[in-house]
């Protein structure tokens, strides 16, 4: 088993997993049900949650699969 090659591995993977979990938690919590923002607020919250999931996956991929 190899050690970490640089600081990006150590930081990007846990941060990416955290952002991914936050995005999934936002989708599962369905906060748009309780907000008074209407349809526009719901769409913006959905876009933000999906974007957070994409950013989390990207960070994990960048930290784990991309070599320096």
N, C-alpha and C. Protein backbone atom coordinates (compact mmCIF):
# COMPACT_ATOMS: atom_id res chain seq x y z
N UNK A 1 0.84 -1.17 0.00
CA UNK A 1 0.00 0.00 0.00
C UNK A 1 0.89 1.23 0.00
N UNK A 2 0.62 2.13 -0.92
CA UNK A 2 1.40 3.35 -1.02
C UNK A 2 0.84 4.43 -0.11
N UNK A 3 1.70 5.34 0.30
CA UNK A 3 1.26 6.48 1.09
C UNK A 3 0.70 7.56 0.19
N UNK A 4 0.32 8.66 0.79
CA UNK A 4 -0.20 9.78 0.01
C UNK A 4 0.94 10.45 -0.74
N UNK A 5 0.68 10.82 -1.99
CA UNK A 5 1.73 11.41 -2.81
C UNK A 5 1.89 12.90 -2.52
N UNK A 6 0.80 13.59 -2.24
CA UNK A 6 0.88 15.01 -1.94
C UNK A 6 -0.29 15.41 -1.05
N UNK A 7 -0.35 16.69 -0.72
CA UNK A 7 -1.41 17.16 0.17
C UNK A 7 -2.79 17.12 -0.46
N UNK A 8 -2.86 17.13 -1.79
CA UNK A 8 -4.15 17.09 -2.45
C UNK A 8 -4.90 15.81 -2.11
N UNK A 9 -4.20 14.70 -2.02
CA UNK A 9 -4.84 13.44 -1.63
C UNK A 9 -5.43 13.54 -0.24
N UNK A 10 -4.70 14.11 0.67
CA UNK A 10 -5.11 14.16 2.07
C UNK A 10 -6.29 15.10 2.27
N UNK A 11 -6.34 16.18 1.50
CA UNK A 11 -7.39 17.18 1.69
C UNK A 11 -8.58 16.96 0.78
N UNK A 12 -8.35 16.67 -0.49
CA UNK A 12 -9.43 16.62 -1.47
C UNK A 12 -10.40 15.47 -1.23
N UNK A 13 -9.90 14.34 -0.83
CA UNK A 13 -10.78 13.19 -0.66
C UNK A 13 -11.76 13.37 0.49
N UNK A 14 -11.33 13.74 1.71
CA UNK A 14 -12.31 13.95 2.79
C UNK A 14 -13.25 15.13 2.52
N UNK A 15 -12.73 16.20 1.93
CA UNK A 15 -13.59 17.35 1.63
C UNK A 15 -14.60 16.97 0.55
N UNK A 16 -14.17 16.23 -0.45
CA UNK A 16 -15.09 15.78 -1.49
C UNK A 16 -16.18 14.87 -0.95
N UNK A 17 -15.82 13.97 -0.05
CA UNK A 17 -16.82 13.09 0.56
C UNK A 17 -17.79 13.90 1.40
N UNK A 18 -17.28 14.89 2.14
CA UNK A 18 -18.16 15.74 2.95
C UNK A 18 -19.15 16.51 2.07
N UNK A 19 -18.66 17.12 0.99
CA UNK A 19 -19.54 17.88 0.10
C UNK A 19 -20.56 16.95 -0.55
N UNK A 20 -20.15 15.76 -0.91
CA UNK A 20 -21.06 14.78 -1.49
C UNK A 20 -22.16 14.40 -0.50
N UNK A 21 -21.79 14.16 0.75
CA UNK A 21 -22.78 13.80 1.77
C UNK A 21 -23.73 14.97 2.04
N UNK A 22 -23.22 16.19 2.05
CA UNK A 22 -24.08 17.36 2.25
C UNK A 22 -25.08 17.49 1.11
N UNK A 23 -24.63 17.29 -0.12
CA UNK A 23 -25.55 17.34 -1.26
C UNK A 23 -26.62 16.27 -1.20
N UNK A 24 -26.22 15.05 -0.85
CA UNK A 24 -27.21 13.97 -0.71
C UNK A 24 -28.17 14.24 0.45
N UNK A 25 -27.64 14.77 1.54
CA UNK A 25 -28.50 15.11 2.68
C UNK A 25 -29.51 16.20 2.33
N UNK A 26 -29.08 17.14 1.51
CA UNK A 26 -30.00 18.19 1.07
C UNK A 26 -31.11 17.61 0.22
N UNK A 27 -30.76 16.71 -0.68
CA UNK A 27 -31.80 16.08 -1.50
C UNK A 27 -32.76 15.23 -0.67
N UNK A 28 -32.21 14.47 0.27
CA UNK A 28 -33.06 13.60 1.08
C UNK A 28 -33.89 14.39 2.09
N UNK A 29 -33.37 15.53 2.56
CA UNK A 29 -34.10 16.35 3.53
C UNK A 29 -35.22 17.17 2.92
N UNK A 30 -35.19 17.37 1.62
CA UNK A 30 -36.19 18.12 0.88
C UNK A 30 -36.55 19.44 1.55
N UNK A 31 -35.58 20.37 1.66
CA UNK A 31 -35.87 21.63 2.34
C UNK A 31 -36.85 22.52 1.59
N UNK A 32 -37.07 22.28 0.29
CA UNK A 32 -37.97 23.11 -0.48
C UNK A 32 -39.43 22.93 -0.04
N UNK A 33 -39.73 21.87 0.68
CA UNK A 33 -41.10 21.67 1.18
C UNK A 33 -41.46 22.71 2.23
N UNK A 34 -40.47 23.22 2.94
CA UNK A 34 -40.73 24.09 4.07
C UNK A 34 -40.39 25.55 3.77
N UNK A 35 -39.77 25.82 2.64
CA UNK A 35 -39.39 27.18 2.28
C UNK A 35 -40.56 27.88 1.59
N UNK A 36 -40.61 29.19 1.75
CA UNK A 36 -41.68 29.96 1.14
C UNK A 36 -41.21 30.60 -0.17
N UNK A 37 -40.22 30.04 -0.80
CA UNK A 37 -39.65 30.63 -2.01
C UNK A 37 -40.41 30.30 -3.28
N UNK A 38 -41.36 29.40 -3.22
CA UNK A 38 -42.11 29.03 -4.40
C UNK A 38 -41.31 28.11 -5.32
N UNK A 39 -41.74 28.09 -6.58
CA UNK A 39 -41.13 27.19 -7.56
C UNK A 39 -39.68 27.59 -7.85
N UNK A 40 -39.40 28.88 -7.91
CA UNK A 40 -38.04 29.32 -8.19
C UNK A 40 -37.09 28.89 -7.07
N UNK A 41 -37.53 29.04 -5.84
CA UNK A 41 -36.69 28.60 -4.71
C UNK A 41 -36.44 27.11 -4.74
N UNK A 42 -37.46 26.35 -5.10
CA UNK A 42 -37.31 24.90 -5.17
C UNK A 42 -36.30 24.51 -6.25
N UNK A 43 -36.40 25.14 -7.41
CA UNK A 43 -35.49 24.82 -8.52
C UNK A 43 -34.06 25.19 -8.14
N UNK A 44 -33.87 26.35 -7.52
CA UNK A 44 -32.52 26.77 -7.12
C UNK A 44 -31.92 25.83 -6.08
N UNK A 45 -32.73 25.36 -5.14
CA UNK A 45 -32.23 24.43 -4.14
C UNK A 45 -31.88 23.08 -4.76
N UNK A 46 -32.67 22.63 -5.71
CA UNK A 46 -32.35 21.38 -6.41
C UNK A 46 -31.06 21.50 -7.21
N UNK A 47 -30.90 22.63 -7.91
CA UNK A 47 -29.68 22.84 -8.68
C UNK A 47 -28.47 22.89 -7.75
N UNK A 48 -28.61 23.57 -6.61
CA UNK A 48 -27.51 23.65 -5.66
C UNK A 48 -27.14 22.29 -5.08
N UNK A 49 -28.13 21.47 -4.78
CA UNK A 49 -27.86 20.14 -4.23
C UNK A 49 -27.18 19.25 -5.25
N UNK A 50 -27.65 19.29 -6.49
CA UNK A 50 -27.03 18.47 -7.54
C UNK A 50 -25.62 18.98 -7.85
N UNK A 51 -25.44 20.30 -7.82
CA UNK A 51 -24.10 20.86 -8.03
C UNK A 51 -23.15 20.44 -6.92
N UNK A 52 -23.63 20.41 -5.67
CA UNK A 52 -22.79 19.98 -4.56
C UNK A 52 -22.37 18.52 -4.73
N UNK A 53 -23.27 17.69 -5.20
CA UNK A 53 -22.93 16.29 -5.44
C UNK A 53 -21.87 16.20 -6.55
N UNK A 54 -22.04 16.97 -7.62
CA UNK A 54 -21.07 16.96 -8.70
C UNK A 54 -19.70 17.46 -8.26
N UNK A 55 -19.69 18.52 -7.45
CA UNK A 55 -18.42 19.04 -6.94
C UNK A 55 -17.75 18.02 -6.03
N UNK A 56 -18.52 17.35 -5.18
CA UNK A 56 -17.96 16.32 -4.30
C UNK A 56 -17.35 15.17 -5.08
N UNK A 57 -18.05 14.71 -6.10
CA UNK A 57 -17.52 13.63 -6.93
C UNK A 57 -16.26 14.09 -7.66
N UNK A 58 -16.29 15.34 -8.14
CA UNK A 58 -15.11 15.87 -8.82
C UNK A 58 -13.90 15.97 -7.91
N UNK A 59 -14.10 16.40 -6.67
CA UNK A 59 -12.98 16.50 -5.73
C UNK A 59 -12.41 15.13 -5.39
N UNK A 60 -13.28 14.17 -5.18
CA UNK A 60 -12.79 12.82 -4.89
C UNK A 60 -12.03 12.27 -6.09
N UNK A 61 -12.57 12.47 -7.28
CA UNK A 61 -11.89 12.02 -8.48
C UNK A 61 -10.55 12.71 -8.68
N UNK A 62 -10.52 14.01 -8.42
CA UNK A 62 -9.29 14.77 -8.57
C UNK A 62 -8.25 14.32 -7.56
N UNK A 63 -8.68 14.08 -6.34
CA UNK A 63 -7.73 13.68 -5.30
C UNK A 63 -7.27 12.25 -5.40
N UNK A 64 -8.10 11.39 -5.96
CA UNK A 64 -7.77 9.96 -5.96
C UNK A 64 -7.23 9.47 -7.31
N UNK A 65 -7.81 9.93 -8.40
CA UNK A 65 -7.48 9.33 -9.68
C UNK A 65 -6.50 10.13 -10.53
N UNK A 66 -6.37 11.42 -10.27
CA UNK A 66 -5.46 12.26 -11.06
C UNK A 66 -4.10 12.26 -10.39
N UNK A 67 -3.08 11.90 -11.12
CA UNK A 67 -1.73 11.88 -10.55
C UNK A 67 -1.06 13.21 -10.77
N UNK A 68 -0.26 13.65 -9.79
CA UNK A 68 0.40 14.95 -9.91
C UNK A 68 1.48 14.97 -10.97
